[in-house]
N, C-alpha and C. Protein backbone atom coordinates (compact mmCIF):
# COMPACT_ATOMS: atom_id res chain seq x y z
N MET A 1 0.84 -1.36 -0.01
CA MET A 1 0.32 0.27 0.18
C MET A 1 0.67 1.24 0.27
N MET A 2 0.58 1.94 -0.87
CA MET A 2 1.38 3.66 -0.88
C MET A 2 0.69 4.28 -0.20
N ARG A 3 1.72 5.42 0.26
CA ARG A 3 1.59 6.67 1.70
C ARG A 3 1.15 7.27 0.64
N LEU A 4 0.49 8.71 1.44
CA LEU A 4 0.34 9.69 0.68
C LEU A 4 2.24 10.61 0.42
N LYS A 5 2.72 10.53 1.11
CA LYS A 5 4.08 11.01 1.12
C LYS A 5 5.09 10.62 0.10
N ASP A 6 4.60 8.74 -0.78
CA ASP A 6 5.42 8.76 -1.64
C ASP A 6 4.36 9.03 -3.31
N TRP A 7 3.37 9.90 -2.74
CA TRP A 7 2.34 10.69 -3.94
C TRP A 7 2.93 11.71 -4.21
N GLN A 8 3.13 12.76 -2.62
CA GLN A 8 3.66 14.07 -2.73
C GLN A 8 4.40 14.69 -4.38
N PRO A 9 5.82 13.68 -4.77
CA PRO A 9 6.97 14.45 -5.64
C PRO A 9 6.04 14.24 -7.09
N TRP A 10 5.38 13.21 -7.26
CA TRP A 10 4.58 12.92 -8.35
C TRP A 10 3.55 13.51 -8.52
N LEU A 11 2.82 14.09 -7.40
CA LEU A 11 1.58 15.01 -7.63
C LEU A 11 2.38 16.07 -7.70
N VAL A 12 3.33 16.68 -7.26
CA VAL A 12 3.74 18.04 -7.51
C VAL A 12 4.29 17.79 -9.07
N LYS A 13 5.04 16.77 -9.70
CA LYS A 13 5.83 17.02 -10.80
C LYS A 13 4.51 17.12 -11.74
N VAL A 14 3.27 16.33 -11.63
CA VAL A 14 2.04 16.32 -12.73
C VAL A 14 1.92 17.79 -12.89
N PHE A 15 1.44 18.53 -11.65
CA PHE A 15 0.86 19.71 -11.56
C PHE A 15 1.86 20.99 -12.29
N LEU A 16 2.87 20.73 -11.86
CA LEU A 16 3.71 22.00 -12.28
C LEU A 16 3.90 21.50 -14.60
N GLY A 17 3.68 20.16 -14.37
CA GLY A 17 3.83 20.35 -16.16
C GLY A 17 2.27 20.71 -16.27
N LEU A 18 1.21 20.67 -16.14
CA LEU A 18 0.46 20.78 -16.23
C LEU A 18 0.21 22.34 -16.57
N TRP A 19 0.73 22.60 -15.62
CA TRP A 19 0.69 24.60 -15.17
C TRP A 19 1.61 24.99 -16.50
N GLY A 20 2.70 24.51 -16.56
CA GLY A 20 3.83 24.54 -17.83
C GLY A 20 3.38 24.89 -19.00
N LEU A 21 2.16 23.59 -19.74
CA LEU A 21 1.89 23.57 -20.64
C LEU A 21 1.02 24.70 -20.77
N GLN A 22 -0.39 25.12 -19.52
CA GLN A 22 -0.88 25.88 -20.20
C GLN A 22 -0.61 27.59 -20.17
N VAL A 23 1.13 27.53 -19.59
CA VAL A 23 1.73 28.78 -19.59
C VAL A 23 2.06 28.32 -21.06
N ILE A 24 2.54 27.96 -22.14
CA ILE A 24 3.22 27.95 -23.03
C ILE A 24 2.14 28.04 -24.40
N TRP A 25 0.50 27.15 -24.03
CA TRP A 25 -0.56 27.52 -24.47
C TRP A 25 -0.76 28.73 -24.55
N LEU A 26 -0.59 29.30 -23.44
CA LEU A 26 -1.19 30.83 -23.37
C LEU A 26 -0.68 31.78 -24.03
N MET A 27 0.62 31.00 -24.58
CA MET A 27 2.11 32.15 -24.66
C MET A 27 1.97 31.90 -26.60
N TRP A 28 1.52 30.72 -27.00
CA TRP A 28 0.92 30.52 -28.49
C TRP A 28 0.11 31.17 -28.59
N TYR A 29 -1.31 31.12 -27.92
CA TYR A 29 -2.97 32.06 -28.24
C TYR A 29 -2.42 33.62 -28.09
N PHE A 30 -1.32 34.28 -27.18
CA PHE A 30 -1.42 35.32 -27.34
C PHE A 30 -0.36 36.21 -27.71
N GLY A 31 0.48 35.29 -28.54
CA GLY A 31 2.10 35.66 -28.89
C GLY A 31 1.74 36.75 -29.98
N PRO A 32 1.06 37.21 -31.23
CA PRO A 32 1.13 38.01 -31.58
C PRO A 32 0.89 39.15 -30.62
N ASP A 33 0.08 38.78 -30.24
CA ASP A 33 -0.31 40.53 -28.91
C ASP A 33 0.82 40.57 -27.50
N LEU A 34 1.53 39.79 -27.82
CA LEU A 34 2.17 39.80 -26.07
C LEU A 34 3.54 41.15 -26.62
N ALA A 35 3.92 40.99 -28.02
CA ALA A 35 5.28 42.56 -27.98
C ALA A 35 4.55 43.98 -27.70
N GLU A 36 3.10 43.21 -28.11
CA GLU A 36 2.36 45.24 -27.93
C GLU A 36 2.32 44.87 -26.32
N VAL A 37 2.07 44.06 -26.18
CA VAL A 37 1.63 44.88 -24.31
C VAL A 37 2.72 44.79 -23.62
N ALA A 38 3.37 43.81 -23.98
CA ALA A 38 5.37 43.88 -23.13
C ALA A 38 5.11 45.46 -23.36
N THR A 39 5.46 46.42 -24.66
CA THR A 39 5.71 47.18 -24.66
C THR A 39 4.06 48.65 -23.87
N LYS A 40 3.76 48.50 -23.67
CA LYS A 40 2.49 49.57 -23.39
C LYS A 40 2.62 49.17 -22.05
N VAL A 41 2.93 47.69 -21.13
CA VAL A 41 3.51 47.88 -19.95
C VAL A 41 4.65 48.05 -19.47
N GLY A 42 5.47 48.20 -20.17
CA GLY A 42 6.87 49.01 -19.37
C GLY A 42 6.85 50.15 -19.86
N ARG A 43 5.78 50.72 -21.08
CA ARG A 43 5.87 52.72 -20.98
C ARG A 43 4.81 52.98 -19.55
N ALA A 44 4.26 52.27 -18.74
CA ALA A 44 3.20 52.59 -17.71
C ALA A 44 1.71 52.84 -18.59
N GLN A 45 1.35 52.37 -19.90
CA GLN A 45 -0.07 52.52 -20.19
C GLN A 45 -1.08 51.48 -20.60
N VAL A 46 -0.93 50.71 -19.25
CA VAL A 46 -2.14 49.89 -19.10
C VAL A 46 -3.23 50.12 -19.44
N GLY A 47 -3.89 51.31 -18.35
CA GLY A 47 -4.92 52.00 -18.72
C GLY A 47 -5.46 52.75 -19.44
N ALA A 48 -4.40 52.79 -20.08
CA ALA A 48 -4.76 54.14 -21.54
C ALA A 48 -5.01 52.86 -23.32
N THR A 49 -4.82 51.81 -22.36
CA THR A 49 -4.59 51.00 -23.78
C THR A 49 -6.15 50.43 -23.94
N ALA A 50 -6.98 49.95 -23.67
CA ALA A 50 -8.36 50.43 -23.58
C ALA A 50 -8.79 51.14 -24.04
N ARG A 51 -8.95 52.83 -23.52
CA ARG A 51 -9.48 53.49 -24.46
C ARG A 51 -9.16 53.48 -25.79
N GLN A 52 -7.66 53.96 -25.93
CA GLN A 52 -7.35 54.31 -27.07
C GLN A 52 -7.45 53.29 -28.14
N ASP A 53 -8.08 52.22 -27.85
CA ASP A 53 -8.51 51.34 -29.16
C ASP A 53 -10.15 51.33 -28.94
N ASP A 54 -10.57 52.29 -28.25
CA ASP A 54 -12.34 52.57 -29.04
C ASP A 54 -12.56 53.64 -29.55
N PRO A 55 -12.65 53.81 -30.78
CA PRO A 55 -13.24 54.71 -31.65
C PRO A 55 -13.56 55.41 -31.12
N PHE A 56 -14.73 56.02 -30.25
CA PHE A 56 -15.91 56.89 -29.38
C PHE A 56 -14.76 57.72 -28.93
N TYR A 57 -13.78 57.22 -28.20
CA TYR A 57 -12.87 57.86 -27.51
C TYR A 57 -11.94 58.39 -28.46
N ARG A 58 -11.42 57.69 -29.59
CA ARG A 58 -9.89 59.00 -30.51
C ARG A 58 -11.00 59.97 -30.55
N TRP A 59 -12.36 59.77 -31.34
CA TRP A 59 -13.43 61.01 -32.40
C TRP A 59 -13.39 61.56 -30.76
N ALA A 60 -13.90 61.20 -29.37
CA ALA A 60 -14.23 62.60 -28.37
C ALA A 60 -12.49 63.20 -27.90
N THR A 61 -12.11 62.50 -27.70
CA THR A 61 -10.70 63.10 -28.19
C THR A 61 -9.88 64.04 -28.85
N ALA A 62 -10.30 64.51 -30.25
CA ALA A 62 -9.95 65.10 -31.40
C ALA A 62 -10.74 65.89 -31.18
N ALA A 63 -11.72 65.68 -30.93
CA ALA A 63 -13.20 66.84 -30.20
C ALA A 63 -12.72 67.67 -29.39
N ALA A 64 -12.71 67.48 -28.55
CA ALA A 64 -11.56 67.37 -26.71
C ALA A 64 -10.48 68.99 -27.90
N ALA A 65 -9.92 68.40 -28.26
CA ALA A 65 -8.82 68.98 -28.81
C ALA A 65 -9.19 70.43 -29.62
N VAL A 66 -10.87 70.81 -30.30
CA VAL A 66 -10.46 70.91 -31.28
C VAL A 66 -11.49 72.13 -30.39
N ILE A 67 -11.88 71.80 -29.35
CA ILE A 67 -13.04 72.96 -28.82
C ILE A 67 -12.86 73.50 -27.23
N PRO A 68 -12.48 74.61 -27.60
CA PRO A 68 -12.02 75.53 -26.53
C PRO A 68 -12.77 75.12 -25.38
N GLU A 69 -12.30 75.37 -24.33
CA GLU A 69 -12.95 74.78 -22.87
C GLU A 69 -14.30 75.73 -22.19
N ASP A 70 -13.84 77.10 -23.02
CA ASP A 70 -14.41 78.02 -22.82
C ASP A 70 -16.28 78.19 -23.58
N ALA A 71 -15.60 76.79 -24.88
CA ALA A 71 -17.48 76.99 -26.10
C ALA A 71 -18.64 76.04 -25.38
N THR A 72 -19.19 76.43 -26.30
CA THR A 72 -20.99 75.58 -26.21
C THR A 72 -20.66 74.83 -27.60
N TYR A 73 -20.79 73.48 -26.93
CA TYR A 73 -21.85 72.32 -28.35
C TYR A 73 -22.20 71.41 -27.94
N ILE A 74 -22.57 71.66 -29.46
CA ILE A 74 -24.70 70.36 -29.09
C ILE A 74 -24.22 69.19 -29.66
N PHE A 75 -24.35 68.72 -29.28
CA PHE A 75 -24.32 66.73 -29.37
C PHE A 75 -25.12 66.63 -29.94
N VAL A 76 -25.06 65.60 -30.62
CA VAL A 76 -26.52 64.64 -31.40
C VAL A 76 -26.16 63.62 -31.82
N ASP A 77 -27.34 62.86 -30.26
CA ASP A 77 -27.56 61.52 -30.51
C ASP A 77 -28.85 61.05 -29.76
N ASP A 78 -28.99 59.92 -29.79
CA ASP A 78 -30.23 59.27 -30.29
C ASP A 78 -30.46 58.53 -28.94
N TYR A 79 -29.82 59.34 -27.85
CA TYR A 79 -30.03 59.05 -26.33
C TYR A 79 -29.73 57.72 -25.99
N GLU A 80 -28.58 57.12 -26.45
CA GLU A 80 -28.19 55.70 -26.58
C GLU A 80 -27.40 55.74 -24.95
N ALA A 81 -27.60 54.62 -24.49
CA ALA A 81 -27.31 54.34 -23.12
C ALA A 81 -25.22 54.55 -22.84
N GLY A 82 -25.39 55.63 -22.35
CA GLY A 82 -24.27 55.89 -21.65
C GLY A 82 -23.00 57.01 -22.41
N LYS A 83 -23.52 56.84 -24.00
CA LYS A 83 -23.05 57.44 -25.06
C LYS A 83 -22.23 58.95 -24.78
N GLU A 84 -24.00 59.79 -24.63
CA GLU A 84 -23.62 61.37 -24.38
C GLU A 84 -23.11 61.69 -22.42
N ILE A 85 -23.39 60.28 -22.15
CA ILE A 85 -22.47 60.75 -20.21
C ILE A 85 -20.73 60.96 -21.12
N GLU A 86 -21.06 59.80 -21.50
CA GLU A 86 -19.22 60.08 -21.57
C GLU A 86 -18.79 60.98 -22.26
N ALA A 87 -19.39 61.12 -23.40
CA ALA A 87 -18.58 62.33 -24.28
C ALA A 87 -18.74 64.04 -23.28
N ARG A 88 -20.03 64.06 -22.71
CA ARG A 88 -19.95 65.03 -21.17
C ARG A 88 -18.03 65.18 -20.88
N TYR A 89 -18.13 63.51 -20.23
CA TYR A 89 -16.40 63.11 -19.36
C TYR A 89 -15.24 63.48 -20.26
N TYR A 90 -16.01 63.75 -21.77
CA TYR A 90 -14.26 63.68 -22.00
C TYR A 90 -14.36 64.94 -22.33
N LEU A 91 -15.48 65.39 -22.58
CA LEU A 91 -14.99 67.03 -23.28
C LEU A 91 -15.50 68.17 -21.61
N VAL A 92 -15.27 67.75 -20.65
CA VAL A 92 -15.65 68.61 -19.58
C VAL A 92 -14.47 69.88 -19.56
N PRO A 93 -14.97 71.17 -19.17
CA PRO A 93 -15.54 71.65 -18.70
C PRO A 93 -16.48 72.38 -19.61
N ARG A 94 -17.21 71.99 -20.98
CA ARG A 94 -17.10 73.07 -22.33
C ARG A 94 -18.52 72.42 -21.17
N ARG A 95 -19.03 73.24 -22.40
CA ARG A 95 -20.78 73.70 -22.12
C ARG A 95 -21.80 72.79 -22.94
N HIS A 96 -22.65 72.31 -23.30
CA HIS A 96 -23.36 71.32 -24.07
C HIS A 96 -24.99 71.27 -23.54
N VAL A 97 -25.57 70.44 -25.61
CA VAL A 97 -26.96 70.69 -25.63
C VAL A 97 -26.89 69.40 -26.02
N LEU A 98 -27.63 68.89 -25.77
CA LEU A 98 -28.31 67.46 -26.59
C LEU A 98 -29.14 67.71 -27.24
N LEU A 99 -29.65 66.80 -28.45
CA LEU A 99 -30.11 67.53 -29.10
C LEU A 99 -30.27 65.50 -30.18
N THR A 100 -31.70 65.47 -30.88
CA THR A 100 -32.12 64.15 -31.09
C THR A 100 -31.74 64.23 -32.53
N PRO A 101 -31.15 63.47 -33.24
CA PRO A 101 -30.80 63.23 -34.38
C PRO A 101 -31.94 63.32 -35.69
N LYS A 102 -33.58 63.68 -35.28
CA LYS A 102 -34.22 63.46 -35.90
C LYS A 102 -34.84 64.74 -36.18
N LEU A 103 -34.23 65.78 -35.47
CA LEU A 103 -34.17 67.25 -35.55
C LEU A 103 -34.50 67.93 -36.72
N PRO A 104 -35.88 68.48 -37.35
CA PRO A 104 -35.37 69.59 -38.05
C PRO A 104 -34.58 70.57 -38.06
N PRO A 105 -34.43 71.03 -39.27
CA PRO A 105 -33.27 72.26 -39.66
C PRO A 105 -33.60 73.55 -38.61
N SER A 106 -34.67 73.68 -39.19
CA SER A 106 -35.37 74.67 -38.39
C SER A 106 -34.85 74.80 -37.04
N PHE A 107 -35.29 73.52 -36.67
CA PHE A 107 -34.70 73.99 -34.97
C PHE A 107 -33.24 73.56 -34.48
N LEU A 108 -32.29 72.91 -35.10
CA LEU A 108 -31.16 73.27 -35.22
C LEU A 108 -30.44 74.77 -35.09
N PHE A 109 -31.02 75.83 -35.87
CA PHE A 109 -30.53 76.46 -36.67
C PHE A 109 -30.76 77.73 -35.44
N TYR A 110 -32.27 77.04 -34.67
CA TYR A 110 -32.49 78.52 -33.39
C TYR A 110 -31.89 77.57 -32.56
N VAL A 111 -31.67 76.65 -32.58
CA VAL A 111 -30.60 75.76 -30.74
C VAL A 111 -29.65 76.76 -30.71
N VAL A 112 -28.62 76.57 -32.18
CA VAL A 112 -27.30 77.16 -32.14
C VAL A 112 -27.56 78.91 -31.94
N ARG A 113 -28.90 79.89 -32.66
CA ARG A 113 -28.92 80.75 -31.64
C ARG A 113 -28.79 81.11 -30.83
N GLN A 114 -30.03 80.42 -30.09
CA GLN A 114 -30.38 80.79 -28.57
C GLN A 114 -29.31 80.10 -27.31
N GLU A 115 -28.18 78.89 -28.24
CA GLU A 115 -27.35 78.62 -27.36
C GLU A 115 -25.81 79.30 -27.61
N GLU A 116 -26.13 80.18 -28.57
CA GLU A 116 -24.10 80.52 -28.57
C GLU A 116 -23.43 79.74 -28.84
N ALA A 117 -24.07 78.45 -29.50
CA ALA A 117 -22.64 77.27 -29.45
C ALA A 117 -21.97 77.95 -30.32
N SER A 118 -21.17 77.36 -30.11
CA SER A 118 -19.86 77.18 -31.36
C SER A 118 -19.31 75.78 -32.15
N PHE A 119 -19.83 74.98 -31.80
CA PHE A 119 -18.85 73.66 -32.31
C PHE A 119 -20.75 72.68 -32.49
N LEU A 120 -20.55 71.73 -33.60
CA LEU A 120 -21.57 70.91 -33.61
C LEU A 120 -21.22 69.59 -34.03
N LEU A 121 -21.67 68.85 -33.05
CA LEU A 121 -20.82 66.58 -32.90
C LEU A 121 -22.04 65.81 -33.26
N ASN A 122 -22.19 65.20 -33.97
CA ASN A 122 -22.03 64.37 -34.45
C ASN A 122 -22.20 63.03 -34.25
N ARG A 123 -22.81 62.07 -33.23
CA ARG A 123 -21.91 60.57 -32.68
C ARG A 123 -21.55 59.91 -33.64
N PRO A 124 -20.28 59.29 -33.85
CA PRO A 124 -20.05 58.53 -34.24
C PRO A 124 -21.14 56.38 -34.48
N ASP A 125 -22.08 56.72 -34.90
CA ASP A 125 -22.96 55.31 -35.29
C ASP A 125 -23.37 54.95 -35.98
N GLY A 126 -22.16 55.22 -37.41
CA GLY A 126 -22.81 54.23 -38.26
C GLY A 126 -24.22 54.52 -39.06
N GLN A 127 -24.76 55.15 -38.86
CA GLN A 127 -26.54 55.73 -39.77
C GLN A 127 -25.70 57.10 -39.80
N PRO A 128 -26.72 57.18 -41.12
CA PRO A 128 -26.56 59.42 -42.34
C PRO A 128 -27.59 60.30 -41.04
N PRO A 129 -26.27 60.63 -41.32
CA PRO A 129 -26.83 61.84 -40.76
C PRO A 129 -28.93 62.53 -40.67
N GLY A 130 -29.09 63.21 -39.43
CA GLY A 130 -30.32 63.03 -39.43
C GLY A 130 -30.79 64.87 -40.60
N PRO A 131 -32.09 65.17 -40.79
CA PRO A 131 -31.87 66.03 -41.58
C PRO A 131 -31.43 67.43 -41.04
N GLY A 132 -31.32 67.69 -40.01
CA GLY A 132 -30.68 68.44 -39.42
C GLY A 132 -29.31 68.93 -38.81
N VAL A 133 -28.23 68.23 -38.96
CA VAL A 133 -27.04 67.37 -38.94
C VAL A 133 -26.83 67.67 -40.39
N GLU A 134 -27.87 67.12 -42.08
CA GLU A 134 -27.51 67.37 -42.57
C GLU A 134 -27.18 68.75 -43.67
N ALA A 135 -28.26 69.75 -43.94
CA ALA A 135 -28.87 70.45 -43.60
C ALA A 135 -27.65 71.58 -43.06
N ALA A 136 -26.82 71.69 -41.32
CA ALA A 136 -25.80 72.12 -41.25
C ALA A 136 -24.59 71.87 -42.52
N GLY A 137 -24.16 70.62 -42.42
CA GLY A 137 -23.48 70.07 -43.49
C GLY A 137 -22.80 70.73 -44.39
N LYS A 138 -24.64 71.09 -45.01
CA LYS A 138 -24.45 72.29 -46.71
C LYS A 138 -24.24 73.52 -46.21
N SER A 139 -24.57 73.53 -45.11
CA SER A 139 -24.93 75.44 -44.73
C SER A 139 -23.10 76.08 -44.91
N PRO A 140 -22.92 76.97 -45.10
CA PRO A 140 -21.78 78.06 -45.42
C PRO A 140 -21.57 78.17 -44.03
N ALA A 141 -22.59 78.28 -43.68
CA ALA A 141 -22.08 78.67 -41.95
C ALA A 141 -21.55 77.86 -40.67
N PHE A 142 -21.21 76.43 -41.46
CA PHE A 142 -20.78 75.33 -40.93
C PHE A 142 -19.26 75.03 -41.11
N GLN A 143 -18.26 74.92 -41.05
CA GLN A 143 -17.51 74.75 -41.50
C GLN A 143 -16.98 72.51 -40.25
N THR A 144 -16.91 72.38 -41.48
CA THR A 144 -16.30 70.24 -41.99
C THR A 144 -15.32 70.25 -40.92
N ILE A 145 -14.97 69.39 -39.24
CA ILE A 145 -13.62 69.97 -39.02
C ILE A 145 -13.13 68.24 -39.64
N ALA A 146 -11.67 68.18 -39.80
CA ALA A 146 -11.64 66.52 -39.96
C ALA A 146 -11.13 65.83 -38.56
N SER A 147 -12.05 64.45 -38.39
CA SER A 147 -10.86 63.90 -37.00
C SER A 147 -11.37 62.32 -37.52
N SER A 148 -11.04 61.64 -36.28
CA SER A 148 -10.11 59.97 -36.30
C SER A 148 -11.89 59.51 -36.09
N GLY A 149 -12.20 58.86 -36.81
CA GLY A 149 -13.54 58.13 -36.58
C GLY A 149 -14.57 58.57 -37.35
N SER A 150 -15.82 58.01 -37.82
CA SER A 150 -16.47 58.39 -38.14
C SER A 150 -17.75 59.41 -37.89
N GLY A 151 -17.58 60.23 -36.49
CA GLY A 151 -18.06 61.27 -35.96
C GLY A 151 -18.07 61.90 -37.19
N LEU A 152 -18.74 62.90 -36.87
CA LEU A 152 -18.63 64.99 -37.56
C LEU A 152 -18.89 65.54 -36.37
N ILE A 153 -17.76 66.72 -36.45
CA ILE A 153 -17.65 68.11 -36.12
C ILE A 153 -17.18 68.71 -37.13
N LEU A 154 -18.50 70.02 -36.61
CA LEU A 154 -18.79 71.19 -38.04
C LEU A 154 -17.81 72.72 -36.80
N LYS A 155 -17.07 72.86 -37.45
CA LYS A 155 -17.48 74.36 -36.19
C LYS A 155 -18.42 75.37 -37.03
N ILE A 156 -18.97 76.11 -35.94
CA ILE A 156 -19.99 77.30 -36.42
C ILE A 156 -18.97 78.60 -36.36
N THR A 157 -19.13 78.43 -37.98
CA THR A 157 -17.90 79.51 -38.70
C THR A 157 -19.44 81.40 -38.50
N ASP A 158 -20.28 80.97 -38.70
CA ASP A 158 -21.25 82.16 -38.78
C ASP A 158 -21.85 82.01 -37.12
N PRO A 159 -20.89 83.06 -36.66
CA PRO A 159 -22.09 83.22 -34.83
C PRO A 159 -23.87 83.85 -34.95
N SER A 160 -23.56 85.09 -35.80
CA SER A 160 -24.74 85.40 -35.84
C SER A 160 -25.69 85.22 -36.97
N ILE A 161 -26.03 83.47 -36.73
CA ILE A 161 -27.10 83.02 -37.63
C ILE A 161 -28.49 83.66 -36.96
N LEU A 162 -29.15 84.62 -38.12
CA LEU A 162 -29.94 85.38 -37.97
C LEU A 162 -31.55 84.98 -38.05
N GLY A 163 -32.35 85.29 -37.77
CA GLY A 163 -33.46 85.10 -38.28
C GLY A 163 -34.77 84.43 -37.82
N GLY A 164 -35.91 84.06 -37.43
CA GLY A 164 -36.25 82.93 -36.94
C GLY A 164 -36.41 82.23 -38.13
N PHE A 165 -36.64 80.73 -37.57
CA PHE A 165 -37.08 79.62 -38.46
C PHE A 165 -37.75 78.70 -38.60
N TYR A 166 -38.17 78.87 -39.23
CA TYR A 166 -40.03 77.82 -39.40
C TYR A 166 -39.92 76.83 -40.75
N ASP A 167 -40.82 75.52 -40.03
CA ASP A 167 -40.52 74.70 -40.83
C ASP A 167 -41.99 74.90 -42.01
């Protein structure tokens, strides 16, 4: 009859062998990303890695680089959970106005005038812009600013949009 003391060295070797096989499998599986992860860990960019891979984050930081901190921007969004709050987080302390994508051009121009907005942001969601944003893109009062991602950043070049707007 074998005692436990006789099995201990054998069990330890089996356990270490299985652990070694798991490490080898993980290295093979994650091998293509290993150099990039090691570089980011070495540069202490671990927390920023996930955000940098997010296209919305890249678009929002591009907008933050363009919009002055004392400016007001209009954010056009379909109220998707969290995106408006996330955009506000990246663009703080700038003042924002939230509008729906289905708004008519007249109401968009009215809000621009009333709120004295300097920028119009249409969130990158893969859908065509609504009628208000489409009209703003064609208007000479708005200038398209190139940004990373599919979102739209428009600068309001004519701050004195005059007149009442009716549909």
